């Protein structure tokens, strides 16, 4: 069959694509940025498109022409500069369904979420439910899958956050640690979607995909810590106020393009619990969904998992320190421009040239310090930091080599700043 997978390089989407390829289907994947996906899955035909812009049936017609089945694994957690929930979860799905009906695409599989409810005050759940309703009211052969907390080898979003919190040194800090969770392996989600695409599930079906027993968030984190191979740590409940503060900060960073799973939408989802009806799947399928222990056992953790888990929470610290360092450096340069220029004059530069160099350097420092906290500018800002630091070091070596022996280490301290920028560049990618 010819299958179109929306969000085909995401946490769930990539697993679906791999499974459908193994099943022998011809797969087309759709997403906003498919460059890395093309490298990972060259057997797939990739289409670069933003679902939030595909809000009319006519937009979808050329994409679904000749397609037998569509799997919608696209989604976003919260509104932001790059995400519009109503457009992605509802508007695009309404248009997609209409286009499929026009061209005769037979089947659609909608990956929804536990807790999807049109009456929810949480836009994630309400818009997801509205998209589900558009699918369920169509004339297509439809299946709506509602997975619980999806556990996958890939580490971003919620799966990254679980690893990071579980790897916290000494103890495990957790907000809402008693809230109940039911997990599901991403391979089980792919299995369910594969059966739906093949038509081996009952038609017009909405079903929860969750392990049999619910467990507390604390138990999930303890299991992840053991999976990482770290010494046991006690779960320490954190005040709800701390969680709201972290979510507010993450929401603010979201406005700058950073898509943190700590945002308020995620906190609200956790507050209601991530639980569903495990019997709804067992009643229609002989494929038993794995419990968390089996899921983790099938994806053993190695040293790279521990590196990632330990670095993930340090990432905002690294970027924050870099931003503060460069901003303060630039501001001090402006405030003390006379003193800085005098150093250069003492080494043979003209007063005018010395002052121009100090002011230009201060402007550059402030620009990169501010730009590094904006996600779309972060890479350029980091490269700018590296280039500016190398220029500083080279200029100091040529014009004032004695500054290397300054007892306060003004020049020497630029070396660890350079190294931190290199580390930030290395951990910049989110997926």
Protein backbone atom coordinates (compact mmCIF):
# COMPACT_ATOMS: atom_id res chain seq x y z
CA UNK A 1 0.00 0.00 0.00
CA UNK A 2 0.97 3.63 -0.44
CA UNK A 3 0.97 5.26 2.98
CA UNK A 4 1.41 8.92 3.88
CA UNK A 5 2.77 9.52 7.41
CA UNK A 6 2.35 13.03 8.81
CA UNK A 7 5.03 13.93 11.33
CA UNK A 8 7.04 11.00 10.02
CA UNK A 9 10.29 11.93 11.76
CA UNK A 10 8.84 12.57 15.24
CA UNK A 11 9.07 10.36 18.30
CA UNK A 12 6.11 8.21 17.23
CA UNK A 13 6.22 8.97 13.52
CA UNK A 14 9.70 7.61 12.95
CA UNK A 15 8.83 4.32 14.62
CA UNK A 16 5.69 4.10 12.46
CA UNK A 17 7.68 4.77 9.31
CA UNK A 18 10.18 2.04 10.17
CA UNK A 19 7.44 -0.47 10.87
CA UNK A 20 5.51 0.35 7.69
CA UNK A 21 8.67 -0.05 5.61
CA UNK A 22 9.29 -3.46 7.18
CA UNK A 23 5.71 -4.37 6.34
CA UNK A 24 6.52 -3.71 2.69
CA UNK A 25 4.50 -0.50 2.22
CA UNK A 26 5.57 2.43 0.05
CA UNK A 27 5.91 5.26 2.54
CA UNK A 28 5.78 9.01 2.05
CA UNK A 29 6.66 11.20 5.03
CA UNK A 30 5.62 14.79 5.60
CA UNK A 31 7.07 17.38 7.97
CA UNK A 32 8.38 20.92 8.20
CA UNK A 33 12.10 20.10 8.05
CA UNK A 34 12.89 16.78 6.41
CA UNK A 35 16.64 17.13 5.81
CA UNK A 36 17.70 14.92 8.70
CA UNK A 37 14.81 12.54 8.06
CA UNK A 38 16.05 12.01 4.51
CA UNK A 39 19.42 10.97 5.91
CA UNK A 40 17.92 8.56 8.45
CA UNK A 41 15.24 7.09 6.20
CA UNK A 42 16.38 7.35 2.56
CA UNK A 43 13.84 4.73 1.47
CA UNK A 44 11.02 7.16 2.25
CA UNK A 45 9.78 9.86 -0.13
CA UNK A 46 9.85 13.02 1.97
CA UNK A 47 7.71 16.11 1.51
CA UNK A 48 8.62 19.35 3.27
CA UNK A 49 5.40 21.08 4.31
CA UNK A 50 3.92 22.80 7.35
CA UNK A 51 0.55 21.32 8.29
CA UNK A 52 -0.45 24.61 9.88
CA UNK A 53 -0.46 26.08 6.35
CA UNK A 54 -2.53 23.25 4.83
CA UNK A 55 -5.98 24.37 5.96
CA UNK A 56 -8.02 23.78 2.80
CA UNK A 57 -8.83 20.50 1.07
CA UNK A 58 -7.22 21.88 -2.09
CA UNK A 59 -3.90 22.15 -0.22
CA UNK A 60 -3.95 18.43 0.51
CA UNK A 61 -5.24 17.10 -2.83
CA UNK A 62 -1.82 16.78 -4.54
CA UNK A 63 -0.36 15.22 -1.38
CA UNK A 64 -2.97 12.47 -0.94
CA UNK A 65 -3.57 11.69 -4.61
CA UNK A 66 -2.78 8.00 -5.16
CA UNK A 67 -2.41 7.37 -1.40
CA UNK A 68 -4.20 4.35 0.10
CA UNK A 69 -3.84 5.25 3.78
CA UNK A 70 -2.82 8.23 5.89
CA UNK A 71 -1.32 8.05 9.37
CA UNK A 72 -1.41 11.33 11.28
CA UNK A 73 1.38 11.31 13.87
CA UNK A 74 1.87 15.08 13.82
CA UNK A 75 1.24 17.25 16.83
CA UNK A 76 2.48 20.01 19.08
CA UNK A 77 2.36 20.51 22.83
CA UNK A 78 1.63 24.20 23.09
CA UNK A 79 1.14 27.33 21.00
CA UNK A 80 4.37 29.15 20.18
CA UNK A 81 6.29 30.89 17.40
CA UNK A 82 6.55 27.63 15.46
CA UNK A 83 3.31 25.94 16.55
CA UNK A 84 -0.41 26.73 16.27
CA UNK A 85 -2.42 24.00 17.97
CA UNK A 86 -5.79 24.78 16.39
CA UNK A 87 -4.28 24.78 12.92
CA UNK A 88 -2.24 21.59 13.39
CA UNK A 89 -4.67 19.50 15.41
CA UNK A 90 -8.02 20.66 14.01
CA UNK A 91 -7.89 22.85 10.90
CA UNK A 92 -5.37 20.75 8.98
CA UNK A 93 -7.12 17.50 9.94
CA UNK A 94 -10.53 18.77 8.77
CA UNK A 95 -9.01 19.73 5.43
CA UNK A 96 -7.07 16.45 5.20
CA UNK A 97 -10.21 14.36 5.75
CA UNK A 98 -12.08 16.28 3.07
CA UNK A 99 -9.23 15.78 0.60
CA UNK A 100 -9.02 12.05 1.34
CA UNK A 101 -12.75 11.68 0.71
CA UNK A 102 -12.42 13.53 -2.60
CA UNK A 103 -9.53 11.45 -3.99
CA UNK A 104 -10.75 8.12 -2.62
CA UNK A 105 -8.05 7.45 -0.02
CA UNK A 106 -9.58 4.59 1.93
CA UNK A 107 -8.09 4.65 5.38
CA UNK A 108 -6.88 7.11 8.03
CA UNK A 109 -5.15 6.41 11.32
CA UNK A 110 -5.20 9.26 13.81
CA UNK A 111 -2.61 9.24 16.62
CA UNK A 112 -4.40 11.16 19.34
CA UNK A 113 -3.70 11.39 23.09
CA UNK A 114 -5.05 10.06 26.35
CA UNK A 115 -7.30 12.75 27.78
CA UNK A 116 -8.36 14.30 24.46
CA UNK A 117 -11.64 16.08 25.26
CA UNK A 118 -13.37 18.92 23.38
CA UNK A 119 -14.48 20.41 26.71
CA UNK A 120 -10.97 20.54 28.14
CA UNK A 121 -9.58 23.94 29.13
CA UNK A 122 -6.18 22.72 27.95
CA UNK A 123 -5.85 23.66 24.23
CA UNK A 124 -3.74 20.58 23.55
CA UNK A 125 -6.50 18.19 24.63
CA UNK A 126 -9.39 20.20 23.20
CA UNK A 127 -7.83 20.65 19.74
CA UNK A 128 -6.75 17.01 19.65
CA UNK A 129 -10.36 16.00 20.37
CA UNK A 130 -11.66 18.29 17.62
CA UNK A 131 -9.30 16.64 15.15
CA UNK A 132 -10.47 13.23 16.34
CA UNK A 133 -14.07 14.31 15.80
CA UNK A 134 -13.32 15.32 12.20
CA UNK A 135 -11.83 11.88 11.58
CA UNK A 136 -14.66 10.01 13.31
CA UNK A 137 -17.36 11.86 11.36
CA UNK A 138 -15.77 11.07 8.00
CA UNK A 139 -16.78 8.37 5.51
CA UNK A 140 -13.28 6.87 5.65
CA UNK A 141 -12.20 3.67 7.36
CA UNK A 142 -10.78 5.31 10.45
CA UNK A 143 -8.88 4.29 13.56
CA UNK A 144 -8.07 6.62 16.45
CA UNK A 145 -5.22 5.49 18.69
CA UNK A 146 -4.77 7.19 22.06
CA UNK A 147 -1.36 6.26 23.51
CA UNK A 148 -0.37 6.91 27.11
CA UNK A 149 3.12 8.11 28.00
CA UNK A 150 5.12 6.87 25.01
CA UNK A 151 8.53 5.40 25.82
CA UNK A 152 11.01 5.27 22.94
CA UNK A 153 14.76 4.95 22.33
CA UNK A 154 14.75 8.48 20.88
CA UNK A 155 15.34 11.11 23.56
CA UNK A 156 13.49 14.38 23.16
CA UNK A 157 10.37 15.90 24.62
CA UNK A 158 8.94 14.01 27.57
CA UNK A 159 11.27 11.04 27.09
CA UNK A 160 14.25 13.38 27.47
CA UNK A 161 12.78 14.99 30.58
CA UNK A 162 12.25 11.61 32.28
CA UNK A 163 15.86 10.64 31.64
CA UNK A 164 17.16 13.96 32.94
CA UNK A 165 15.15 14.01 36.16
CA UNK A 166 15.97 10.37 36.84
CA UNK A 167 19.69 11.16 36.47
CA UNK A 168 19.64 14.08 38.92
CA UNK A 169 22.65 13.75 41.26
CA UNK A 170 21.97 12.30 44.70
CA UNK A 171 18.16 12.24 44.60
CA UNK A 172 15.22 12.46 42.20
CA UNK A 173 13.25 15.73 42.36
CA UNK A 174 9.67 15.34 41.17
CA UNK A 175 6.63 17.60 41.01
CA UNK A 176 3.30 15.73 41.25
CA UNK A 177 5.24 12.57 42.04
CA UNK A 178 2.09 10.65 43.08
CA UNK A 179 0.20 11.23 39.83
CA UNK A 180 -0.62 7.99 38.05
CA UNK A 181 1.00 7.11 34.73
CA UNK A 182 0.41 4.35 32.21
CA UNK A 183 3.17 3.99 29.66
CA UNK A 184 3.26 2.35 26.25
CA UNK A 185 6.20 1.31 24.13
CA UNK A 186 6.58 3.15 20.83
CA UNK A 187 6.96 -0.26 19.17
CA UNK A 188 3.49 -1.19 20.43
CA UNK A 189 2.07 2.05 19.04
CA UNK A 190 3.71 1.21 15.70
CA UNK A 191 2.25 -2.30 15.86
CA UNK A 192 -1.25 -0.95 16.44
CA UNK A 193 -0.90 1.57 13.61
CA UNK A 194 0.44 -1.15 11.31
CA UNK A 195 -2.61 -3.30 11.99
CA UNK A 196 -4.91 -0.35 11.41
CA UNK A 197 -3.26 0.45 8.07
CA UNK A 198 -3.56 -3.20 7.02
CA UNK A 199 -7.27 -3.21 7.95
CA UNK A 200 -6.87 -5.98 10.54
CA UNK A 201 -8.49 -3.96 13.35
CA UNK A 202 -12.24 -3.46 13.66
CA UNK A 203 -13.33 -0.48 11.53
CA UNK A 204 -14.28 2.90 12.99
CA UNK A 205 -12.43 2.23 16.21
CA UNK A 206 -11.10 4.53 18.94
CA UNK A 207 -8.84 2.75 21.41
CA UNK A 208 -6.47 3.57 24.28
CA UNK A 209 -2.93 2.19 24.14
CA UNK A 210 -1.64 1.82 27.71
CA UNK A 211 0.06 -0.83 29.84
CA UNK A 212 -2.15 -2.84 32.16
CA UNK A 213 -1.32 -1.23 35.48
CA UNK A 214 -0.98 2.41 36.41
CA UNK A 215 2.01 3.49 38.49
CA UNK A 216 3.06 6.75 40.08
CA UNK A 217 5.39 9.18 38.39
CA UNK A 218 7.83 8.46 41.22
CA UNK A 219 7.86 4.77 40.27
CA UNK A 220 8.44 5.65 36.61
CA UNK A 221 11.42 7.83 37.54
CA UNK A 222 12.90 5.14 39.81
CA UNK A 223 12.60 2.63 36.95
CA UNK A 224 14.37 5.04 34.58
CA UNK A 225 17.17 5.65 37.09
CA UNK A 226 17.76 1.90 37.38
CA UNK A 227 17.63 1.57 33.60
CA UNK A 228 20.36 4.22 33.28
CA UNK A 229 22.56 2.15 35.60
CA UNK A 230 22.81 4.89 38.23
CA UNK A 231 22.92 4.35 42.02
CA UNK A 232 19.46 4.26 43.62
CA UNK A 233 18.10 7.65 44.59
CA UNK A 234 15.17 8.67 46.76
CA UNK A 235 12.32 10.51 45.08
CA UNK A 236 11.90 13.90 46.79
CA UNK A 237 8.52 15.53 46.11
CA UNK A 238 8.88 19.15 45.00
CA UNK A 239 6.32 21.89 45.79
CA UNK A 240 3.70 22.51 43.13
CA UNK A 241 4.78 26.16 43.16
CA UNK A 242 8.23 25.12 41.94
CA UNK A 243 6.64 23.22 39.08
CA UNK A 244 4.55 26.23 38.09
CA UNK A 245 7.63 28.45 38.23
CA UNK A 246 9.60 26.05 36.00
CA UNK A 247 6.64 25.89 33.59
CA UNK A 248 6.40 29.70 33.47
CA UNK A 249 10.11 29.95 32.64
CA UNK A 250 9.74 27.23 30.00
CA UNK A 251 6.73 29.06 28.52
CA UNK A 252 8.85 32.20 28.28
CA UNK A 253 11.61 30.29 26.56
CA UNK A 254 8.95 28.89 24.23
CA UNK A 255 8.33 32.43 23.00
CA UNK A 256 12.02 32.48 22.05
CA UNK A 257 11.64 29.25 20.06
CA UNK A 258 12.76 26.66 22.64
CA UNK A 259 10.25 23.79 22.82
CA UNK A 260 10.76 22.56 26.36
CA UNK A 261 8.63 19.64 27.64
CA UNK A 262 8.50 21.49 30.99
CA UNK A 263 5.91 23.94 29.66
CA UNK A 264 2.59 24.53 31.40
CA UNK A 265 0.66 22.30 28.98
CA UNK A 266 2.78 19.31 30.02
CA UNK A 267 2.32 20.14 33.69
CA UNK A 268 -1.44 20.32 33.20
CA UNK A 269 -1.42 16.95 31.43
CA UNK A 270 0.52 15.40 34.30
CA UNK A 271 -1.81 16.98 36.86
CA UNK A 272 -4.79 15.12 35.40
CA UNK A 273 -2.84 11.86 35.23
CA UNK A 274 -1.84 9.91 32.13
CA UNK A 275 -4.17 6.93 32.39
CA UNK A 276 -6.55 5.14 30.07
CA UNK A 277 -8.54 1.96 29.57
CA UNK A 278 -6.10 -0.91 29.06
CA UNK A 279 -8.94 -3.35 28.32
CA UNK A 280 -10.02 -1.46 25.20
CA UNK A 281 -6.99 -2.83 23.33
CA UNK A 282 -6.89 -6.31 24.87
CA UNK A 283 -10.52 -6.86 23.87
CA UNK A 284 -9.76 -6.45 20.16
CA UNK A 285 -6.19 -7.74 19.81
CA UNK A 286 -4.09 -10.71 20.80
CA UNK A 287 -0.99 -8.49 20.93
CA UNK A 288 -0.31 -7.70 24.58
CA UNK A 289 1.06 -4.22 25.29
CA UNK A 290 4.35 -4.24 27.18
CA UNK A 291 4.65 -2.96 30.74
CA UNK A 292 7.32 -0.34 31.43
CA UNK A 293 9.82 -2.92 32.70
CA UNK A 294 9.68 -4.86 29.43
CA UNK A 295 9.83 -1.67 27.37
CA UNK A 296 13.04 -0.57 29.10
CA UNK A 297 14.53 -4.06 28.93
CA UNK A 298 14.13 -4.04 25.14
CA UNK A 299 16.13 -0.78 24.81
CA UNK A 300 19.15 -1.22 27.12
CA UNK A 301 20.92 1.99 28.16
CA UNK A 302 24.58 2.56 27.41
CA UNK A 303 27.03 5.32 28.24
CA UNK A 304 25.52 7.72 25.70
CA UNK A 305 22.21 7.54 27.58
CA UNK A 306 23.90 8.60 30.82
CA UNK A 307 25.78 11.41 29.04
CA UNK A 308 22.55 12.70 27.55
CA UNK A 309 20.57 12.44 30.78
CA UNK A 310 23.20 14.35 32.75
CA UNK A 311 23.68 17.03 30.12
CA UNK A 312 20.01 17.70 29.39
CA UNK A 313 19.29 19.69 32.56
CA UNK A 314 22.64 21.46 32.20
CA UNK A 315 21.78 22.71 28.72
CA UNK A 316 19.73 25.76 29.83
CA UNK A 317 22.42 26.51 32.45
CA UNK A 318 25.12 26.45 29.77
CA UNK A 319 23.18 28.82 27.50
CA UNK A 320 22.18 31.07 30.38
CA UNK A 321 25.76 31.39 31.62
CA UNK A 322 27.05 32.12 28.13
CA UNK A 323 24.40 34.77 27.55
CA UNK A 324 25.10 36.45 30.89
CA UNK A 325 28.87 36.32 30.40
CA UNK A 326 28.75 37.99 26.99
CA UNK A 327 26.12 40.55 27.93
CA UNK A 328 28.01 41.62 31.06
CA UNK A 329 31.27 41.70 29.11
CA UNK A 330 29.72 44.02 26.52
CA UNK A 331 28.07 46.28 29.09
CA UNK A 332 31.27 46.58 31.12
CA UNK A 333 33.12 47.43 27.91
CA UNK A 334 30.76 50.34 27.34
CA UNK A 335 30.87 51.55 30.93
CA UNK A 336 34.67 51.26 31.21
CA UNK A 337 35.52 52.04 27.60
CA UNK A 338 38.13 54.66 28.57
CA UNK A 339 40.05 52.22 30.79
CA UNK A 340 39.88 49.49 28.15
CA UNK A 341 41.04 51.88 25.42
CA UNK A 342 43.97 53.05 27.57
CA UNK A 343 45.34 49.51 27.65
CA UNK A 344 45.42 49.43 23.87
CA UNK A 345 46.89 52.93 23.65
CA UNK A 346 49.65 51.86 26.04
CA UNK A 347 50.55 49.15 23.52
CA UNK A 348 50.92 51.51 20.58
CA UNK A 349 47.43 52.02 19.13
CA UNK A 350 46.07 55.47 18.42
CA UNK A 351 43.39 56.69 20.86
CA UNK A 352 40.75 56.84 18.12
CA UNK A 353 41.47 53.31 16.89
CA UNK A 354 41.64 51.95 20.43
CA UNK A 355 38.27 53.47 21.35
CA UNK A 356 36.69 52.20 18.12
CA UNK A 357 37.93 48.67 18.80
CA UNK A 358 36.61 48.70 22.37
CA UNK A 359 33.17 49.98 21.35
CA UNK A 360 32.93 47.57 18.40
CA UNK A 361 33.89 44.67 20.64
CA UNK A 362 31.29 45.70 23.24
CA UNK A 363 28.54 45.86 20.62
CA UNK A 364 29.54 42.44 19.27
CA UNK A 365 29.53 40.95 22.80
CA UNK A 366 26.03 42.27 23.53
CA UNK A 367 24.65 41.11 20.17
CA UNK A 368 25.84 37.50 20.53
CA UNK A 369 24.90 37.44 24.22
CA UNK A 370 21.32 38.40 23.41
CA UNK A 371 21.05 36.31 20.24
CA UNK A 372 22.15 33.03 21.84
CA UNK A 373 18.91 32.77 23.84
CA UNK A 374 16.78 33.01 20.67
CA UNK A 375 16.54 29.49 19.24
CA UNK A 376 16.61 30.50 15.58
CA UNK A 377 19.75 32.62 16.12
CA UNK A 378 21.54 30.38 18.64
CA UNK A 379 23.80 28.55 16.21
CA UNK A 380 25.01 31.75 14.54
CA UNK A 381 25.47 33.38 17.93
CA UNK A 382 27.60 30.48 19.20
CA UNK A 383 29.73 30.55 16.07
CA UNK A 384 30.05 34.30 16.57
CA UNK A 385 31.20 33.78 20.16
CA UNK A 386 33.85 31.33 19.01
CA UNK A 387 35.06 33.65 16.24
CA UNK A 388 35.13 36.72 18.50
CA UNK A 389 37.02 34.87 21.24
CA UNK A 390 39.61 33.60 18.78
CA UNK A 391 39.97 37.14 17.44
CA UNK A 392 40.41 38.50 20.98
CA UNK A 393 43.07 35.91 21.76
CA UNK A 394 44.91 36.50 18.48
CA UNK A 395 44.81 40.29 18.90
CA UNK A 396 46.02 40.06 22.50
CA UNK A 397 48.87 37.79 21.48
CA UNK A 398 50.00 40.21 18.77
CA UNK A 399 49.32 43.59 20.39
CA UNK A 400 49.68 42.89 24.10
CA UNK A 401 51.23 39.48 24.80
CA UNK A 402 51.96 40.51 28.38
CA UNK A 403 48.19 40.31 29.10
CA UNK A 404 48.55 36.52 29.12
CA UNK A 405 50.54 36.99 32.35
CA UNK A 406 47.99 39.35 33.94
CA UNK A 407 47.57 38.13 37.54
CA UNK A 408 43.79 38.43 37.19
CA UNK A 409 43.85 36.20 34.12
CA UNK A 410 41.75 38.49 31.92
CA UNK A 411 42.88 36.78 28.72
CA UNK A 412 43.36 33.29 30.14
CA UNK A 413 39.71 33.26 31.28
CA UNK A 414 38.60 33.58 27.68
CA UNK A 415 39.77 30.01 27.02
CA UNK A 416 37.16 28.28 29.25
CA UNK A 417 34.51 30.63 27.80
CA UNK A 418 35.55 29.43 24.35
CA UNK A 419 35.27 25.81 25.49
CA UNK A 420 31.78 26.41 26.93
CA UNK A 421 30.64 27.86 23.60
CA UNK A 422 31.95 24.74 21.87
CA UNK A 423 30.03 22.54 24.32
CA UNK A 424 26.85 24.58 23.72
CA UNK A 425 27.27 24.17 19.97
CA UNK A 426 27.69 20.42 20.41
CA UNK A 427 24.46 20.03 22.44
CA UNK A 428 22.35 22.56 20.52
CA UNK A 429 20.35 20.07 18.44
CA UNK A 430 17.03 19.09 19.96
CA UNK A 431 16.30 16.04 17.82
